[in-house]
Amino acid sequence: MTADVHVKAVEHRFNSFTALHRVDLQIAAGEFIVLLGPSGCGKTTLLSIIGGFLTPSEGQVLIGGRDMTHVAPKDRPTTTMFQDYALFPHMSLRDNVAFGLRMRGMAKAARNAKALEMLEMVGLADKAARRPHELSGGMRQRVALARALAVEPDVLLLDEPLGALDLKLRRQMQEELKAIQRRVGTTFVHVTHDQEEAMAIADRIVVMNHGRIEHCGTPEEVYLTPKTMFSADFMGETNRIPVSPAGAGVTSQLGLLAIAPAEGTLCLRPESIGLTGAFSLGRATLVEAAFYGSYHRCHFRPLAAPEMLLTAHLPQGEHPRPGAEVELFGRNPVVLAPVAKAAA
């Protein structure tokens, strides 16, 4: 089963503090959505409202076209998977996975068969008789996922489920989580503060800041063409170059008038600056460089604007020495308007 989700003008207040400001979001059935942002941005509050653990101060939540705004969590077609997994230590993996089905009154034989089917899906059927403490963190995470999907929710809500795992295991689970979502077709709404995790698993990323949606789009759209400076900075490192339509200052010094005819900030990712590209940034001196395995992280000072420091990621085969003077080029530029004009 799967369903679409429509969050309509949702606002939520905790006493005098407004956690969400009239949030509008439409999630298609079967979509993998990631709510991304720093602590306190409102992403967990929004997830809790979709799951029914909070009732919004204003607005509506529709799931599968039905108004669920005031419906209790147990009566919604949703299941929530938390970071701590909340597995029962005294139960076998099979009984943990079957617990929700047991609460719904399913006969023992049927729920055990369903539990084994779910454990098979996450690669743990051969460990069905074990207890949670006998498993690694990644295995416990899979059991929690199997339990959540066993009740066949229309929407699965995931509250930073990979946060407790180490980097290598987290990356492995990201791939497995996405593969399972594609297999079952359930709508997933996943909360994280990890940009790499969001890029790896999302169909669309919802970047949140101070209770508002800054940008909603595919990983490529959010990374390559951010709509706001917050989104550009939060999704990774970026070089900021102030530009002016009059061609004054840095715009004139670096010859960027044709690239950035509007006033604002020209944003270039480090990998968008190199020794070849679509347009010239002029000559620059390499200040320092460090080898990061797949690329060289380099800092350059443009000769025409020595007060500026540009960060570039150069390929393995390109490694000028500190002090070398080279011509820099850029590609994939994004010009963001000043905040006041963007708000208007």
C-alpha atoms as a PDB file:
ATOM      1  CA  MET A   1       0.000   0.000   0.000  1.00  0.00           C
ATOM      2  CA  THR A   2       1.070   3.571  -0.585  1.00  0.00           C
ATOM      3  CA  ALA A   3      -0.500   7.027  -0.479  1.00  0.00           C
ATOM      4  CA  ASP A   4       0.242  10.649  -1.228  1.00  0.00           C
ATOM      5  CA  VAL A   5       0.653  13.240   1.527  1.00  0.00           C
ATOM      6  CA  HIS A   6      -0.470  16.859   1.350  1.00  0.00           C
ATOM      7  CA  VAL A   7       0.608  19.300   4.045  1.00  0.00           C
ATOM      8  CA  LYS A   8      -1.548  22.418   3.629  1.00  0.00           C
ATOM      9  CA  ALA A   9      -0.554  25.735   5.233  1.00  0.00           C
ATOM     10  CA  VAL A  10       0.591  24.012   8.421  1.00  0.00           C
ATOM     11  CA  GLU A  11       1.702  26.262  11.242  1.00  0.00           C
ATOM     12  CA  HIS A  12       2.719  25.020  14.665  1.00  0.00           C
ATOM     13  CA  ARG A  13       3.448  26.951  17.837  1.00  0.00           C
ATOM     14  CA  PHE A  14       4.950  25.882  21.141  1.00  0.00           C
ATOM     15  CA  ASN A  15       3.620  28.611  23.433  1.00  0.00           C
ATOM     16  CA  SER A  16       5.099  31.821  21.977  1.00  0.00           C
ATOM     17  CA  PHE A  17       7.609  30.034  19.708  1.00  0.00           C
ATOM     18  CA  THR A  18       6.546  29.306  16.128  1.00  0.00           C
ATOM     19  CA  ALA A  19       8.214  26.072  14.979  1.00  0.00           C
ATOM     20  CA  LEU A  20       6.536  25.925  11.544  1.00  0.00           C
ATOM     21  CA  HIS A  21       5.411  28.868   9.413  1.00  0.00           C
ATOM     22  CA  ARG A  22       2.548  27.941   7.051  1.00  0.00           C
ATOM     23  CA  VAL A  23       4.359  25.010   5.457  1.00  0.00           C
ATOM     24  CA  ASP A  24       2.975  23.664   2.181  1.00  0.00           C
ATOM     25  CA  LEU A  25       4.292  20.359   0.851  1.00  0.00           C
ATOM     26  CA  GLN A  26       2.931  17.760  -1.558  1.00  0.00           C
ATOM     27  CA  ILE A  27       4.435  14.263  -1.538  1.00  0.00           C
ATOM     28  CA  ALA A  28       3.513  11.837  -4.296  1.00  0.00           C
ATOM     29  CA  ALA A  29       2.513   8.250  -3.547  1.00  0.00           C
ATOM     30  CA  GLY A  30       5.595   6.030  -3.566  1.00  0.00           C
ATOM     31  CA  GLU A  31       8.014   8.953  -3.322  1.00  0.00           C
ATOM     32  CA  PHE A  32      11.106   8.974  -1.096  1.00  0.00           C
ATOM     33  CA  ILE A  33      11.193  12.447   0.496  1.00  0.00           C
ATOM     34  CA  VAL A  34      13.963  13.645   2.814  1.00  0.00           C
ATOM     35  CA  LEU A  35      13.389  16.524   5.249  1.00  0.00           C
ATOM     36  CA  LEU A  36      16.831  18.068   5.639  1.00  0.00           C
ATOM     37  CA  GLY A  37      18.095  20.848   7.859  1.00  0.00           C
ATOM     38  CA  PRO A  38      19.987  21.777  11.014  1.00  0.00           C
ATOM     39  CA  SER A  39      18.746  21.146  14.551  1.00  0.00           C
ATOM     40  CA  GLY A  40      15.747  23.326  15.349  1.00  0.00           C
ATOM     41  CA  CYS A  41      14.710  23.896  11.718  1.00  0.00           C
ATOM     42  CA  GLY A  42      11.303  22.209  12.186  1.00  0.00           C
ATOM     43  CA  LYS A  43      11.870  18.956  10.288  1.00  0.00           C
ATOM     44  CA  THR A  44      11.073  16.644  13.236  1.00  0.00           C
ATOM     45  CA  THR A  45       8.062  18.788  14.163  1.00  0.00           C
ATOM     46  CA  LEU A  46       6.740  18.390  10.621  1.00  0.00           C
ATOM     47  CA  LEU A  47       7.328  14.622  10.718  1.00  0.00           C
ATOM     48  CA  SER A  48       5.496  14.412  14.065  1.00  0.00           C
ATOM     49  CA  ILE A  49       2.541  16.315  12.614  1.00  0.00           C
ATOM     50  CA  ILE A  50       2.339  13.953   9.628  1.00  0.00           C
ATOM     51  CA  GLY A  51       2.441  10.994  12.037  1.00  0.00           C
ATOM     52  CA  GLY A  52      -0.189  12.455  14.357  1.00  0.00           C
ATOM     53  CA  PHE A  53       2.044  12.873  17.411  1.00  0.00           C
ATOM     54  CA  LEU A  54       1.423  16.623  17.218  1.00  0.00           C
ATOM     55  CA  THR A  55      -1.700  18.475  16.081  1.00  0.00           C
ATOM     56  CA  PRO A  56      -0.865  21.596  14.087  1.00  0.00           C
ATOM     57  CA  SER A  57      -1.942  24.970  15.427  1.00  0.00           C
ATOM     58  CA  GLU A  58      -3.248  25.741  11.940  1.00  0.00           C
ATOM     59  CA  GLY A  59      -3.525  23.940   8.616  1.00  0.00           C
ATOM     60  CA  GLN A  60      -4.317  20.410   7.453  1.00  0.00           C
ATOM     61  CA  VAL A  61      -2.615  17.088   6.786  1.00  0.00           C
ATOM     62  CA  LEU A  62      -4.170  14.902   4.095  1.00  0.00           C
ATOM     63  CA  ILE A  63      -3.025  11.328   3.500  1.00  0.00           C
ATOM     64  CA  GLY A  64      -4.453   9.538   0.503  1.00  0.00           C
ATOM     65  CA  GLY A  65      -6.890  12.428   0.101  1.00  0.00           C
ATOM     66  CA  ARG A  66      -8.322  11.975   3.607  1.00  0.00           C
ATOM     67  CA  ASP A  67      -8.071  14.659   6.281  1.00  0.00           C
ATOM     68  CA  MET A  68      -5.898  13.200   9.061  1.00  0.00           C
ATOM     69  CA  THR A  69      -5.239  16.439  10.950  1.00  0.00           C
ATOM     70  CA  HIS A  70      -7.006  15.337  14.127  1.00  0.00           C
ATOM     71  CA  VAL A  71      -6.697  11.562  13.744  1.00  0.00           C
ATOM     72  CA  ALA A  72      -4.664   9.689  16.391  1.00  0.00           C
ATOM     73  CA  PRO A  73      -1.378   8.023  15.313  1.00  0.00           C
ATOM     74  CA  LYS A  74      -2.770   4.514  15.790  1.00  0.00           C
ATOM     75  CA  ASP A  75      -5.614   5.258  13.392  1.00  0.00           C
ATOM     76  CA  ARG A  76      -3.469   6.717  10.628  1.00  0.00           C
ATOM     77  CA  PRO A  77      -2.071   4.679   7.714  1.00  0.00           C
ATOM     78  CA  THR A  78       1.428   5.584   8.898  1.00  0.00           C
ATOM     79  CA  THR A  79       4.215   3.910  10.870  1.00  0.00           C
ATOM     80  CA  THR A  80       7.155   5.699  12.461  1.00  0.00           C
ATOM     81  CA  MET A  81      10.659   4.281  12.740  1.00  0.00           C
ATOM     82  CA  PHE A  82      12.798   5.994  15.374  1.00  0.00           C
ATOM     83  CA  GLN A  83      16.565   6.309  15.725  1.00  0.00           C
ATOM     84  CA  ASP A  84      16.753   4.081  18.824  1.00  0.00           C
ATOM     85  CA  TYR A  85      14.807   1.269  17.019  1.00  0.00           C
ATOM     86  CA  ALA A  86      12.849   0.439  20.244  1.00  0.00           C
ATOM     87  CA  LEU A  87      13.165  -3.333  19.802  1.00  0.00           C
ATOM     88  CA  PHE A  88      11.944  -5.565  22.631  1.00  0.00           C
ATOM     89  CA  PRO A  89      15.068  -7.173  24.168  1.00  0.00           C
ATOM     90  CA  HIS A  90      13.217 -10.254  25.482  1.00  0.00           C
ATOM     91  CA  MET A  91      11.646 -11.116  22.122  1.00  0.00           C
ATOM     92  CA  SER A  92      13.134 -12.950  19.162  1.00  0.00           C
ATOM     93  CA  LEU A  93      13.570 -11.057  15.922  1.00  0.00           C
ATOM     94  CA  ARG A  94      10.555 -12.871  14.491  1.00  0.00           C
ATOM     95  CA  ASP A  95       8.364 -11.832  17.418  1.00  0.00           C
ATOM     96  CA  ASN A  96       9.648  -8.263  17.263  1.00  0.00           C
ATOM     97  CA  VAL A  97       8.699  -7.988  13.609  1.00  0.00           C
ATOM     98  CA  ALA A  98       5.344  -9.673  14.227  1.00  0.00           C
ATOM     99  CA  PHE A  99       4.450  -7.460  17.212  1.00  0.00           C
ATOM    100  CA  GLY A 100       2.417  -4.884  15.280  1.00  0.00           C
ATOM    101  CA  LEU A 101       0.503  -7.645  13.512  1.00  0.00           C
ATOM    102  CA  ARG A 102      -0.195  -9.279  16.859  1.00  0.00           C
ATOM    103  CA  MET A 103      -1.651  -5.997  18.146  1.00  0.00           C
ATOM    104  CA  ARG A 104      -3.925  -5.933  15.105  1.00  0.00           C
ATOM    105  CA  GLY A 105      -5.265  -9.366  15.944  1.00  0.00           C
ATOM    106  CA  MET A 106      -3.629 -11.399  13.186  1.00  0.00           C
ATOM    107  CA  ALA A 107      -3.473 -15.143  13.869  1.00  0.00           C
ATOM    108  CA  LYS A 108      -0.124 -16.486  15.089  1.00  0.00           C
ATOM    109  CA  ALA A 109       0.677 -18.614  12.055  1.00  0.00           C
ATOM    110  CA  ALA A 110      -0.105 -15.789   9.635  1.00  0.00           C
ATOM    111  CA  ARG A 111       1.864 -13.150  11.514  1.00  0.00           C
ATOM    112  CA  ASN A 112       4.869 -15.452  11.916  1.00  0.00           C
ATOM    113  CA  ALA A 113       4.840 -16.136   8.186  1.00  0.00           C
ATOM    114  CA  LYS A 114       4.639 -12.408   7.474  1.00  0.00           C
ATOM    115  CA  ALA A 115       7.469 -11.694   9.937  1.00  0.00           C
ATOM    116  CA  LEU A 116       9.712 -14.250   8.232  1.00  0.00           C
ATOM    117  CA  GLU A 117       8.862 -12.733   4.855  1.00  0.00           C
ATOM    118  CA  MET A 118       9.924  -9.301   6.131  1.00  0.00           C
ATOM    119  CA  LEU A 119      13.111 -10.676   7.684  1.00  0.00           C
ATOM    120  CA  GLU A 120      13.896 -12.369   4.384  1.00  0.00           C
ATOM    121  CA  MET A 121      13.515  -9.017   2.631  1.00  0.00           C
ATOM    122  CA  VAL A 122      16.151  -7.433   4.901  1.00  0.00           C
ATOM    123  CA  GLY A 123      18.444 -10.477   4.758  1.00  0.00           C
ATOM    124  CA  LEU A 124      17.914 -11.721   8.314  1.00  0.00           C
ATOM    125  CA  ALA A 125      15.558 -14.689   7.950  1.00  0.00           C
ATOM    126  CA  ASP A 126      18.293 -17.065   9.135  1.00  0.00           C
ATOM    127  CA  LYS A 127      18.524 -15.110  12.405  1.00  0.00           C
ATOM    128  CA  ALA A 128      14.811 -15.048  13.194  1.00  0.00           C
ATOM    129  CA  ALA A 129      15.250 -16.868  16.546  1.00  0.00           C
ATOM    130  CA  ARG A 130      17.933 -14.524  17.863  1.00  0.00           C
ATOM    131  CA  ARG A 131      17.472 -11.665  20.316  1.00  0.00           C
ATOM    132  CA  PRO A 132      18.293  -8.021  19.435  1.00  0.00           C
ATOM    133  CA  HIS A 133      21.365  -7.888  21.710  1.00  0.00           C
ATOM    134  CA  GLU A 134      23.012 -10.566  19.570  1.00  0.00           C
ATOM    135  CA  LEU A 135      22.992  -8.305  16.509  1.00  0.00           C
ATOM    136  CA  SER A 136      25.112  -5.435  15.234  1.00  0.00           C
ATOM    137  CA  GLY A 137      23.678  -1.937  15.009  1.00  0.00           C
ATOM    138  CA  GLY A 138      23.063  -2.306  11.299  1.00  0.00           C
ATOM    139  CA  MET A 139      21.197  -5.567  11.795  1.00  0.00           C
ATOM    140  CA  ARG A 140      18.996  -4.031  14.501  1.00  0.00           C
ATOM    141  CA  GLN A 141      18.200  -1.208  12.122  1.00  0.00           C
ATOM    142  CA  ARG A 142      17.072  -3.743   9.509  1.00  0.00           C
ATOM    143  CA  VAL A 143      14.854  -5.497  12.050  1.00  0.00           C
ATOM    144  CA  ALA A 144      13.222  -2.191  12.973  1.00  0.00           C
ATOM    145  CA  LEU A 145      12.617  -1.500   9.279  1.00  0.00           C
ATOM    146  CA  ALA A 146      11.123  -4.972   8.777  1.00  0.00           C
ATOM    147  CA  ARG A 147       8.806  -4.443  11.766  1.00  0.00           C
ATOM    148  CA  ALA A 148       7.687  -1.053  10.437  1.00  0.00           C
ATOM    149  CA  LEU A 149       6.911  -2.439   6.977  1.00  0.00           C
ATOM    150  CA  ALA A 150       5.221  -5.607   8.261  1.00  0.00           C
ATOM    151  CA  VAL A 151       2.009  -3.707   9.039  1.00  0.00           C
ATOM    152  CA  GLU A 152       1.961  -2.431   5.437  1.00  0.00           C
ATOM    153  CA  PRO A 153       1.667   1.317   6.115  1.00  0.00           C
ATOM    154  CA  ASP A 154       0.733   3.690   3.326  1.00  0.00           C
ATOM    155  CA  VAL A 155       3.436   6.058   4.583  1.00  0.00           C
ATOM    156  CA  LEU A 156       6.597   5.193   6.526  1.00  0.00           C
ATOM    157  CA  LEU A 157       8.072   7.991   8.625  1.00  0.00           C
ATOM    158  CA  LEU A 158      11.766   7.686   9.521  1.00  0.00           C
ATOM    159  CA  ASP A 159      13.228   9.918  12.247  1.00  0.00           C
ATOM    160  CA  GLU A 160      17.031   9.929  11.696  1.00  0.00           C
ATOM    161  CA  PRO A 161      17.142   6.098  11.611  1.00  0.00           C
ATOM    162  CA  LEU A 162      20.802   5.954  10.539  1.00  0.00           C
ATOM    163  CA  GLY A 163      22.156   8.522  12.977  1.00  0.00           C
ATOM    164  CA  ALA A 164      23.603   5.998  15.435  1.00  0.00           C
ATOM    165  CA  LEU A 165      25.600   4.060  12.826  1.00  0.00           C
ATOM    166  CA  ASP A 166      29.247   4.587  11.938  1.00  0.00           C
ATOM    167  CA  LEU A 167      30.103   6.150   8.563  1.00  0.00           C
ATOM    168  CA  LYS A 168      30.822   2.943   6.624  1.00  0.00           C
ATOM    169  CA  LEU A 169      27.726   1.151   7.901  1.00  0.00           C
ATOM    170  CA  ARG A 170      25.590   4.252   7.393  1.00  0.00           C
ATOM    171  CA  ARG A 171      26.555   4.384   3.726  1.00  0.00           C
ATOM    172  CA  GLN A 172      25.769   0.697   3.313  1.00  0.00           C
ATOM    173  CA  MET A 173      22.368   1.124   4.964  1.00  0.00           C
ATOM    174  CA  GLN A 174      21.573   4.131   2.777  1.00  0.00           C
ATOM    175  CA  GLU A 175      21.851   1.926  -0.292  1.00  0.00           C
ATOM    176  CA  GLU A 176      19.830  -0.874   1.294  1.00  0.00           C
ATOM    177  CA  LEU A 177      17.133   1.513   2.520  1.00  0.00           C
ATOM    178  CA  LYS A 178      16.666   2.974  -0.939  1.00  0.00           C
ATOM    179  CA  ALA A 179      16.601  -0.486  -2.549  1.00  0.00           C
ATOM    180  CA  ILE A 180      13.933  -1.696  -0.108  1.00  0.00           C
ATOM    181  CA  GLN A 181      11.840   1.436  -0.664  1.00  0.00           C
ATOM    182  CA  ARG A 182      11.893   0.853  -4.404  1.00  0.00           C
ATOM    183  CA  ARG A 183      10.917  -2.766  -3.884  1.00  0.00           C
ATOM    184  CA  VAL A 184       7.926  -2.159  -1.585  1.00  0.00           C
ATOM    185  CA  GLY A 185       6.786   1.124  -3.190  1.00  0.00           C
ATOM    186  CA  THR A 186       5.721   2.666   0.119  1.00  0.00           C
ATOM    187  CA  THR A 187       5.896   6.453   0.538  1.00  0.00           C
ATOM    188  CA  PHE A 188       8.935   7.243   2.713  1.00  0.00           C
ATOM    189  CA  VAL A 189       9.390  10.519   4.614  1.00  0.00           C
ATOM    190  CA  HIS A 190      12.868  10.553   6.122  1.00  0.00           C
ATOM    191  CA  VAL A 191      14.370  13.143   8.506  1.00  0.00           C
ATOM    192  CA  THR A 192      18.116  13.793   8.621  1.00  0.00           C
ATOM    193  CA  HIS A 193      20.650  16.585   9.091  1.00  0.00           C
ATOM    194  CA  ASP A 194      23.213  14.720   6.937  1.00  0.00           C
ATOM    195  CA  GLN A 195      23.499  16.242   3.452  1.00  0.00           C
ATOM    196  CA  GLU A 196      25.314  13.229   1.976  1.00  0.00           C
ATOM    197  CA  GLU A 197      22.626  10.886   3.296  1.00  0.00           C
ATOM    198  CA  ALA A 198      19.887  13.037   1.779  1.00  0.00           C
ATOM    199  CA  MET A 199      21.634  13.106  -1.604  1.00  0.00           C
ATOM    200  CA  ALA A 200      22.110   9.322  -1.573  1.00  0.00           C
ATOM    201  CA  ILE A 201      18.524   8.278  -0.906  1.00  0.00           C
ATOM    202  CA  ALA A 202      16.047  11.029  -1.790  1.00  0.00           C
ATOM    203  CA  ASP A 203      13.818  11.405  -4.808  1.00  0.00           C
ATOM    204  CA  ARG A 204      13.365  14.976  -3.573  1.00  0.00           C
ATOM    205  CA  ILE A 205      15.030  16.897  -0.760  1.00  0.00           C
ATOM    206  CA  VAL A 206      13.111  19.426   1.335  1.00  0.00           C
ATOM    207  CA  VAL A 207      15.635  21.879   2.798  1.00  0.00           C
ATOM    208  CA  MET A 208      14.232  23.506   5.938  1.00  0.00           C
ATOM    209  CA  ASN A 209      15.364  26.518   7.952  1.00  0.00           C
ATOM    210  CA  HIS A 210      13.652  28.256  10.878  1.00  0.00           C
ATOM    211  CA  GLY A 211      10.361  26.486  10.270  1.00  0.00           C
ATOM    212  CA  ARG A 212      10.184  27.245   6.559  1.00  0.00           C
ATOM    213  CA  ILE A 213      10.958  25.350   3.365  1.00  0.00           C
ATOM    214  CA  GLU A 214      13.951  26.977   1.678  1.00  0.00           C
ATOM    215  CA  HIS A 215      14.061  24.681  -1.339  1.00  0.00           C
ATOM    216  CA  CYS A 216      12.342  21.507  -2.506  1.00  0.00           C
ATOM    217  CA  GLY A 217      13.714  19.593  -5.462  1.00  0.00           C
ATOM    218  CA  THR A 218      15.729  16.642  -6.683  1.00  0.00           C
ATOM    219  CA  PRO A 219      19.213  16.215  -5.210  1.00  0.00           C
ATOM    220  CA  GLU A 220      20.677  17.583  -8.451  1.00  0.00           C
ATOM    221  CA  GLU A 221      18.415  20.650  -8.385  1.00  0.00           C
ATOM    222  CA  VAL A 222      19.060  21.444  -4.728  1.00  0.00           C
ATOM    223  CA  TYR A 223      22.831  21.045  -5.075  1.00  0.00           C
ATOM    224  CA  LEU A 224      23.455  22.566  -8.506  1.00  0.00           C
ATOM    225  CA  THR A 225      20.780  25.283  -8.598  1.00  0.00           C
ATOM    226  CA  PRO A 226      19.972  26.291  -4.996  1.00  0.00           C
ATOM    227  CA  LYS A 227      17.220  28.877  -4.595  1.00  0.00           C
ATOM    228  CA  THR A 228      18.581  30.597  -1.489  1.00  0.00           C
ATOM    229  CA  MET A 229      21.962  31.287   0.065  1.00  0.00           C
ATOM    230  CA  PHE A 230      21.041  29.096   3.038  1.00  0.00           C
ATOM    231  CA  SER A 231      20.295  26.165   0.729  1.00  0.00           C
ATOM    232  CA  ALA A 232      23.545  26.742  -1.188  1.00  0.00           C
ATOM    233  CA  ASP A 233      25.621  26.806   2.000  1.00  0.00           C
ATOM    234  CA  PHE A 234      23.843  23.971   3.781  1.00  0.00           C
ATOM    235  CA  MET A 235      24.116  21.581   0.831  1.00  0.00           C
ATOM    236  CA  GLY A 236      27.894  21.883   0.707  1.00  0.00           C
ATOM    237  CA  GLU A 237      30.784  24.285   0.365  1.00  0.00           C
ATOM    238  CA  THR A 238      30.434  27.157  -2.074  1.00  0.00           C
ATOM    239  CA  ASN A 239      32.538  30.083  -3.235  1.00  0.00           C
ATOM    240  CA  ARG A 240      30.705  33.399  -2.938  1.00  0.00           C
ATOM    241  CA  ILE A 241      31.580  36.179  -5.373  1.00  0.00           C
ATOM    242  CA  PRO A 242      29.643  39.479  -5.020  1.00  0.00           C
ATOM    243  CA  VAL A 243      28.471  40.766  -8.392  1.00  0.00           C
ATOM    244  CA  SER A 244      26.970  44.026  -9.590  1.00  0.00           C
ATOM    245  CA  PRO A 245      25.118  44.847 -12.838  1.00  0.00           C
ATOM    246  CA  ALA A 246      27.142  48.059 -13.104  1.00  0.00           C
ATOM    247  CA  GLY A 247      30.297  46.001 -13.537  1.00  0.00           C
ATOM    248  CA  ALA A 248      31.975  47.571 -10.538  1.00  0.00           C
ATOM    249  CA  GLY A 249      34.240  45.918  -7.991  1.00  0.00           C
ATOM    250  CA  VAL A 250      34.835  42.192  -8.269  1.00  0.00           C
ATOM    251  CA  THR A 251      32.459  41.886 -11.238  1.00  0.00           C
ATOM    252  CA  SER A 252      34.721  44.101 -13.296  1.00  0.00           C
ATOM    253  CA  GLN A 253      37.971  42.763 -11.847  1.00  0.00           C
ATOM    254  CA  LEU A 254      37.165  39.149 -12.746  1.00  0.00           C
ATOM    255  CA  GLY A 255      35.320  39.993 -15.977  1.00  0.00           C
ATOM    256  CA  LEU A 256      32.045  38.425 -14.821  1.00  0.00           C
ATOM    257  CA  LEU A 257      29.522  40.931 -16.171  1.00  0.00           C
ATOM    258  CA  ALA A 258      28.379  38.585 -18.966  1.00  0.00           C
ATOM    259  CA  ILE A 259      28.129  35.665 -16.526  1.00  0.00           C
ATOM    260  CA  ALA A 260      26.325  37.547 -13.738  1.00  0.00           C
ATOM    261  CA  PRO A 261      24.427  40.550 -15.178  1.00  0.00           C
ATOM    262  CA  ALA A 262      22.215  40.875 -12.090  1.00  0.00           C
ATOM    263  CA  GLU A 263      23.132  42.148  -8.654  1.00  0.00           C
ATOM    264  CA  GLY A 264      23.643  39.459  -6.065  1.00  0.00           C
ATOM    265  CA  THR A 265      26.073  36.689  -5.221  1.00  0.00           C
ATOM    266  CA  LEU A 266      27.676  34.364  -7.754  1.00  0.00           C
ATOM    267  CA  CYS A 267      27.990  30.878  -6.236  1.00  0.00           C
ATOM    268  CA  LEU A 268      30.478  28.323  -7.521  1.00  0.00           C
ATOM    269  CA  ARG A 269      31.019  24.913  -5.961  1.00  0.00           C
ATOM    270  CA  PRO A 270      34.708  23.995  -5.455  1.00  0.00           C
ATOM    271  CA  GLU A 271      34.422  21.305  -8.138  1.00  0.00           C
ATOM    272  CA  SER A 272      33.089  23.974 -10.532  1.00  0.00           C
ATOM    273  CA  ILE A 273      36.408  25.828 -10.464  1.00  0.00           C
ATOM    274  CA  GLY A 274      39.359  24.354 -12.339  1.00  0.00           C
ATOM    275  CA  LEU A 275      42.034  24.770 -14.969  1.00  0.00           C
ATOM    276  CA  THR A 276      39.424  24.380 -17.728  1.00  0.00           C
ATOM    277  CA  GLY A 277      35.789  25.419 -17.880  1.00  0.00           C
ATOM    278  CA  ALA A 278      33.067  27.488 -19.502  1.00  0.00           C
ATOM    279  CA  PHE A 279      34.333  30.974 -18.550  1.00  0.00           C
ATOM    280  CA  SER A 280      37.528  32.512 -17.249  1.00  0.00           C
ATOM    281  CA  LEU A 281      38.033  33.745 -13.709  1.00  0.00           C
ATOM    282  CA  GLY A 282      41.392  35.225 -14.621  1.00  0.00           C
ATOM    283  CA  ARG A 283      44.826  34.324 -13.378  1.00  0.00           C
ATOM    284  CA  ALA A 284      45.353  33.272  -9.784  1.00  0.00           C
ATOM    285  CA  THR A 285      48.101  32.148  -7.446  1.00  0.00           C
ATOM    286  CA  LEU A 286      47.882  28.833  -5.604  1.00  0.00           C
ATOM    287  CA  VAL A 287      48.212  29.522  -1.881  1.00  0.00           C
ATOM    288  CA  GLU A 288      47.994  25.972  -0.552  1.00  0.00           C
ATOM    289  CA  ALA A 289      46.863  22.498  -1.546  1.00  0.00           C
ATOM    290  CA  ALA A 290      46.033  19.207   0.173  1.00  0.00           C
ATOM    291  CA  PHE A 291      45.464  15.745  -1.310  1.00  0.00           C
ATOM    292  CA  TYR A 292      42.079  14.218  -0.408  1.00  0.00           C
ATOM    293  CA  GLY A 293      42.341  10.975  -2.362  1.00  0.00           C
ATOM    294  CA  SER A 294      39.938  11.601  -5.211  1.00  0.00           C
ATOM    295  CA  TYR A 295      40.876  15.280  -5.605  1.00  0.00           C
ATOM    296  CA  HIS A 296      43.284  18.044  -4.575  1.00  0.00           C
ATOM    297  CA  ARG A 297      41.706  20.723  -2.386  1.00  0.00           C
ATOM    298  CA  CYS A 298      43.297  24.004  -3.435  1.00  0.00           C
ATOM    299  CA  HIS A 299      43.049  27.648  -2.328  1.00  0.00           C
ATOM    300  CA  PHE A 300      43.713  30.339  -4.949  1.00  0.00           C
ATOM    301  CA  ARG A 301      44.035  34.137  -4.789  1.00  0.00           C
ATOM    302  CA  PRO A 302      42.919  35.854  -8.025  1.00  0.00           C
ATOM    303  CA  LEU A 303      45.508  38.380  -9.200  1.00  0.00           C
ATOM    304  CA  ALA A 304      42.716  40.842 -10.047  1.00  0.00           C
ATOM    305  CA  ALA A 305      41.069  40.481  -6.608  1.00  0.00           C
ATOM    306  CA  PRO A 306      43.795  39.480  -4.121  1.00  0.00           C
ATOM    307  CA  GLU A 307      41.477  40.020  -1.157  1.00  0.00           C
ATOM    308  CA  MET A 308      39.463  36.994  -2.309  1.00  0.00           C
ATOM    309  CA  LEU A 309      40.272  33.330  -1.654  1.00  0.00           C
ATOM    310  CA  LEU A 310      38.723  30.737  -3.967  1.00  0.00           C
ATOM    311  CA  THR A 311      38.503  27.045  -3.078  1.00  0.00           C
ATOM    312  CA  ALA A 312      38.785  24.541  -5.919  1.00  0.00           C
ATOM    313  CA  HIS A 313      38.782  20.750  -6.112  1.00  0.00           C
ATOM    314  CA  LEU A 314      41.208  19.744  -8.837  1.00  0.00           C
ATOM    315  CA  PRO A 315      41.393  16.197 -10.295  1.00  0.00           C
ATOM    316  CA  GLN A 316      44.157  13.834  -9.193  1.00  0.00           C
ATOM    317  CA  GLY A 317      46.194  14.499 -12.311  1.00  0.00           C
ATOM    318  CA  GLU A 318      46.210  18.281 -11.862  1.00  0.00           C
ATOM    319  CA  HIS A 319      48.342  19.392  -8.938  1.00  0.00           C
ATOM    320  CA  PRO A 320      50.103  22.751  -9.313  1.00  0.00           C
ATOM    321  CA  ARG A 321      52.534  23.619  -6.542  1.00  0.00           C
ATOM    322  CA  PRO A 322      51.956  26.433  -4.015  1.00  0.00           C
ATOM    323  CA  GLY A 323      53.094  29.691  -5.522  1.00  0.00           C
ATOM    324  CA  ALA A 324      52.259  28.647  -9.079  1.00  0.00           C
ATOM    325  CA  GLU A 325      50.280  31.099 -11.197  1.00  0.00           C
ATOM    326  CA  VAL A 326      47.514  29.574 -13.342  1.00  0.00           C
ATOM    327  CA  GLU A 327      44.396  30.654 -15.179  1.00  0.00           C
ATOM    328  CA  LEU A 328      41.200  29.569 -13.429  1.00  0.00           C
ATOM    329  CA  PHE A 329      37.928  28.745 -15.123  1.00  0.00           C
ATOM    330  CA  GLY A 330      34.386  28.241 -13.826  1.00  0.00           C
ATOM    331  CA  ARG A 331      31.249  26.358 -14.816  1.00  0.00           C
ATOM    332  CA  ASN A 332      27.712  25.815 -13.476  1.00  0.00           C
ATOM    333  CA  PRO A 333      27.363  29.321 -11.992  1.00  0.00           C
ATOM    334  CA  VAL A 334      24.346  30.242  -9.851  1.00  0.00           C
ATOM    335  CA  VAL A 335      23.514  33.887  -9.122  1.00  0.00           C
ATOM    336  CA  LEU A 336      21.405  34.432  -6.011  1.00  0.00           C
ATOM    337  CA  ALA A 337      19.608  37.740  -5.532  1.00  0.00           C
ATOM    338  CA  PRO A 338      19.989  39.764  -2.326  1.00  0.00           C
ATOM    339  CA  VAL A 339      17.711  38.534   0.463  1.00  0.00           C
ATOM    340  CA  ALA A 340      15.504  41.627   0.493  1.00  0.00           C
ATOM    341  CA  LYS A 341      14.789  41.382  -3.243  1.00  0.00           C
ATOM    342  CA  ALA A 342      14.248  37.596  -3.074  1.00  0.00           C
ATOM    343  CA  ALA A 343      11.641  38.051  -0.332  1.00  0.00           C
ATOM    344  CA  ALA A 344       9.810  40.653  -2.389  1.00  0.00           C
END
